[in-house]
Amino acid sequence: MILLTETEVRVLGALIEKDITTPDYYPLSLNALVNACNQKNNRDPVMTLDEGAVRQALHGLKEKRLAGPTSSADSRVTKYEHRLQEVFNFNRPETAVMCVLLLRGPQTPGELRGRTERMHRFEVLDEVQSTLQKLMQREPPLVKMLPRQPGTKEARYAHLLAGDVEGWEGPEPRAATPSADSDRLTRLEEEVSGLKNEIAELKQQLSEFRKQFE
């Protein structure tokens, strides 16, 4: 039985997301992973994890065979990757749904359809429902449907990798933003984050290169 801490959930979700959405910058260095965990967009709740907390979460995920350092010798900087596929053998729709649930907490099928679009495009809502059913029918189940909140039309679904979820108080309603602008902003933030990570790694490699001549 897999039981993740809150920090392990965030680290695993961030690794899965970056694997799919920014493959050029994946696997991730520790610094890049900290930035990915602490992103303000596509995260609920927003966290402020330090390197020590992320390193500890990586250790826990490695023990559970869900993540670990890459074996590649191409880089001087240690890079980290998730191993979700080896443990669960998910298809792409299942991976996308689990990733959003890990990063954003309980979601309605409609929210999942919109928020998984960068990882997998669900043509109709029934495809989301079907994917959720498959995850609920796993042994043990990986997702459950939560009791419907008063005044809401759709039930929310939560992942069970951190244990059972009795109920969930949803976040305060936020003003809707145009999805096109939101998607554009998300892509720009990811590109900037990727460039920052690349610069940080180049600086680290340059520093190590200089040390050879000191």
Protein backbone atom coordinates (compact mmCIF):
# COMPACT_ATOMS: atom_id res chain seq x y z
CA MET A 1 0.00 0.00 0.00
CA ILE A 2 1.50 3.33 -1.10
CA LEU A 3 1.01 6.23 1.31
CA LEU A 4 2.62 9.53 0.36
CA THR A 5 3.23 12.63 2.46
CA GLU A 6 1.93 16.00 1.27
CA THR A 7 5.41 16.98 0.08
CA GLU A 8 5.93 13.66 -1.73
CA VAL A 9 2.59 14.22 -3.51
CA ARG A 10 3.75 17.64 -4.73
CA VAL A 11 7.19 16.41 -5.83
CA LEU A 12 5.73 13.43 -7.72
CA GLY A 13 3.10 15.60 -9.39
CA ALA A 14 5.69 18.19 -10.45
CA LEU A 15 7.96 15.51 -11.98
CA ILE A 16 5.06 14.00 -13.95
CA GLU A 17 3.91 17.41 -15.20
CA LYS A 18 7.34 18.53 -16.39
CA ASP A 19 8.01 15.17 -18.05
CA ILE A 20 5.00 15.78 -20.31
CA THR A 21 4.81 19.57 -20.71
CA THR A 22 8.51 20.55 -20.85
CA PRO A 23 10.37 17.40 -21.98
CA ASP A 24 13.40 19.45 -23.14
CA TYR A 25 14.12 20.34 -19.48
CA TYR A 26 13.37 16.90 -18.04
CA PRO A 27 14.66 15.07 -15.96
CA LEU A 28 14.94 17.88 -13.39
CA SER A 29 17.84 19.06 -11.26
CA LEU A 30 17.07 19.59 -7.56
CA ASN A 31 16.90 23.35 -8.11
CA ALA A 32 14.52 22.97 -11.06
CA LEU A 33 12.36 20.57 -9.07
CA VAL A 34 12.11 23.00 -6.13
CA ASN A 35 10.96 25.71 -8.57
CA ALA A 36 8.43 23.34 -10.13
CA CYS A 37 7.01 22.41 -6.72
CA ASN A 38 6.68 26.07 -5.70
CA GLN A 39 5.02 27.33 -8.90
CA LYS A 40 2.11 29.67 -8.27
CA ASN A 41 0.15 28.55 -11.35
CA ASN A 42 -1.47 25.10 -11.61
CA ARG A 43 -0.85 24.40 -7.91
CA ASP A 44 -3.32 24.13 -5.04
CA PRO A 45 -2.22 24.84 -2.42
CA VAL A 46 0.78 26.97 -3.40
CA MET A 47 3.80 25.76 -1.42
CA THR A 48 7.19 27.21 -0.44
CA LEU A 49 9.37 24.12 -0.14
CA ASP A 50 13.14 24.35 0.36
CA GLU A 51 15.78 22.01 -1.02
CA GLY A 52 15.90 20.00 2.20
CA ALA A 53 12.17 19.25 2.11
CA VAL A 54 12.29 18.28 -1.57
CA ARG A 55 15.37 16.11 -1.03
CA GLN A 56 13.62 14.32 1.84
CA ALA A 57 10.52 13.78 -0.32
CA LEU A 58 12.71 12.36 -3.10
CA HIS A 59 14.21 9.92 -0.59
CA GLY A 60 10.71 8.80 0.41
CA LEU A 61 9.61 8.44 -3.22
CA LYS A 62 12.74 6.43 -4.01
CA GLU A 63 11.93 3.98 -1.21
CA LYS A 64 8.44 3.58 -2.72
CA ARG A 65 10.02 3.12 -6.21
CA LEU A 66 8.07 6.13 -7.54
CA ALA A 67 11.02 8.48 -8.28
CA GLY A 68 14.78 8.69 -8.12
CA PRO A 69 17.98 10.02 -9.71
CA THR A 70 18.63 9.24 -13.37
CA SER A 71 21.47 6.93 -14.28
CA SER A 72 22.59 9.19 -17.15
CA ALA A 73 26.23 10.29 -17.06
CA ASP A 74 25.62 13.17 -19.50
CA SER A 75 25.28 15.82 -16.80
CA ARG A 76 27.46 16.79 -13.86
CA VAL A 77 24.31 17.82 -11.98
CA THR A 78 22.14 15.04 -10.53
CA LYS A 79 18.77 14.90 -12.29
CA TYR A 80 15.58 13.32 -10.96
CA GLU A 81 12.74 11.48 -12.69
CA HIS A 82 9.44 9.87 -11.72
CA ARG A 83 8.87 6.14 -12.19
CA LEU A 84 5.09 6.16 -12.22
CA GLN A 85 4.87 4.00 -15.31
CA GLU A 86 6.96 1.22 -13.78
CA VAL A 87 4.66 1.00 -10.74
CA PHE A 88 1.20 1.59 -12.25
CA ASN A 89 1.54 1.14 -16.03
CA PHE A 90 -0.84 4.05 -16.67
CA ASN A 91 -1.95 5.11 -20.13
CA ARG A 92 -1.64 8.81 -21.05
CA PRO A 93 -5.22 9.79 -20.00
CA GLU A 94 -4.74 8.13 -16.58
CA THR A 95 -1.36 9.82 -16.12
CA ALA A 96 -2.82 13.24 -16.97
CA VAL A 97 -5.75 12.86 -14.56
CA MET A 98 -3.55 11.62 -11.72
CA CYS A 99 -1.06 14.45 -12.29
CA VAL A 100 -3.75 17.15 -11.97
CA LEU A 101 -5.23 15.49 -8.88
CA LEU A 102 -1.76 15.36 -7.29
CA LEU A 103 -1.00 19.01 -8.06
CA ARG A 104 -4.42 20.64 -7.54
CA GLY A 105 -6.38 18.46 -5.14
CA PRO A 106 -9.95 17.22 -5.71
CA GLN A 107 -11.46 18.17 -9.08
CA THR A 108 -14.73 17.80 -10.97
CA PRO A 109 -14.65 15.94 -14.30
CA GLY A 110 -15.16 19.28 -16.05
CA GLU A 111 -12.19 20.83 -14.24
CA LEU A 112 -10.07 17.79 -15.07
CA ARG A 113 -10.96 18.02 -18.75
CA GLY A 114 -9.81 21.64 -18.90
CA ARG A 115 -6.73 21.28 -16.72
CA THR A 116 -5.32 18.15 -18.35
CA GLU A 117 -5.39 19.66 -21.84
CA ARG A 118 -1.62 20.34 -22.00
CA MET A 119 -0.95 16.69 -21.12
CA HIS A 120 -3.82 14.91 -22.87
CA ARG A 121 -6.82 16.22 -24.80
CA PHE A 122 -10.11 14.65 -23.76
CA GLU A 123 -12.54 15.16 -26.65
CA VAL A 124 -15.67 14.64 -24.50
CA LEU A 125 -16.46 14.58 -20.80
CA ASP A 126 -17.38 10.90 -20.99
CA GLU A 127 -13.70 10.11 -21.64
CA VAL A 128 -12.77 11.79 -18.35
CA GLN A 129 -15.49 9.84 -16.52
CA SER A 130 -14.28 6.59 -18.07
CA THR A 131 -10.69 7.30 -17.01
CA LEU A 132 -11.80 8.10 -13.45
CA GLN A 133 -13.79 4.84 -13.33
CA LYS A 134 -10.72 2.84 -14.36
CA LEU A 135 -8.66 4.50 -11.61
CA MET A 136 -11.42 3.82 -9.07
CA GLN A 137 -11.60 0.16 -10.10
CA ARG A 138 -7.89 -0.47 -9.52
CA GLU A 139 -6.92 -2.76 -6.65
CA PRO A 140 -6.39 -0.92 -4.39
CA PRO A 141 -8.40 2.04 -5.77
CA LEU A 142 -6.34 5.11 -6.69
CA VAL A 143 -9.23 7.60 -6.90
CA LYS A 144 -12.53 8.09 -5.07
CA MET A 145 -15.59 10.26 -5.61
CA LEU A 146 -16.25 12.72 -2.79
CA PRO A 147 -19.69 13.64 -1.46
CA ARG A 148 -21.19 16.40 -3.56
CA GLN A 149 -20.90 19.82 -1.96
CA PRO A 150 -24.09 21.83 -1.40
CA GLY A 151 -24.97 24.01 -4.39
CA THR A 152 -22.69 22.16 -6.83
CA LYS A 153 -23.77 20.17 -9.88
CA GLU A 154 -20.72 17.91 -10.22
CA ALA A 155 -19.07 15.67 -7.66
CA ARG A 156 -15.33 16.02 -7.12
CA TYR A 157 -12.76 13.24 -7.34
CA ALA A 158 -9.62 12.86 -5.23
CA HIS A 159 -6.53 10.65 -5.52
CA LEU A 160 -5.84 8.15 -2.74
CA LEU A 161 -2.03 8.02 -2.89
CA ALA A 162 -1.87 9.99 0.38
CA GLY A 163 -4.57 7.92 2.08
CA ASP A 164 -8.35 8.11 2.24
CA VAL A 165 -10.09 11.45 1.86
CA GLU A 166 -13.18 11.81 4.06
CA GLY A 167 -14.31 15.15 2.75
CA TRP A 168 -12.90 18.28 1.28
CA GLU A 169 -13.61 21.94 1.83
CA GLY A 170 -13.19 23.50 -1.58
CA PRO A 171 -11.16 26.69 -2.09
CA GLU A 172 -12.87 30.03 -2.10
CA PRO A 173 -14.44 30.69 -5.52
CA ARG A 174 -12.07 32.65 -7.72
CA ALA A 175 -12.92 34.95 -10.58
CA ALA A 176 -12.79 33.14 -13.90
CA THR A 177 -10.09 34.23 -16.31
CA PRO A 178 -10.21 33.76 -20.07
CA SER A 179 -8.76 30.31 -20.74
CA ALA A 180 -6.74 31.41 -23.78
CA ASP A 181 -4.96 34.13 -21.79
CA SER A 182 -4.45 31.74 -18.89
CA ASP A 183 -2.95 29.05 -21.15
CA ARG A 184 -0.67 31.59 -22.83
CA LEU A 185 0.54 32.87 -19.45
CA THR A 186 1.13 29.30 -18.25
CA ARG A 187 3.24 28.49 -21.32
CA LEU A 188 5.29 31.68 -20.90
CA GLU A 189 5.88 30.97 -17.20
CA GLU A 190 7.03 27.45 -18.03
CA GLU A 191 9.40 28.71 -20.74
CA VAL A 192 10.89 31.30 -18.35
CA SER A 193 11.20 28.65 -15.63
CA GLY A 194 12.94 26.30 -18.06
CA LEU A 195 15.40 29.01 -19.13
CA LYS A 196 16.15 29.89 -15.49
CA ASN A 197 16.84 26.23 -14.75
CA GLU A 198 19.15 25.97 -17.76
CA ILE A 199 21.10 29.10 -16.71
CA ALA A 200 21.41 27.84 -13.13
CA GLU A 201 22.80 24.52 -14.34
CA LEU A 202 25.25 26.20 -16.73
CA LYS A 203 26.51 28.38 -13.86
CA GLN A 204 26.99 25.29 -11.70
CA GLN A 205 28.88 23.48 -14.47
CA LEU A 206 31.07 26.56 -15.08
CA SER A 207 31.85 26.78 -11.36
CA GLU A 208 32.88 23.10 -11.29
CA PHE A 209 35.00 23.59 -14.42
CA ARG A 210 36.84 26.54 -12.82
CA LYS A 211 37.57 24.51 -9.69
CA GLN A 212 39.63 22.11 -11.80
CA PHE A 213 42.16 24.90 -12.45
CA GLU A 214 42.33 26.39 -8.94
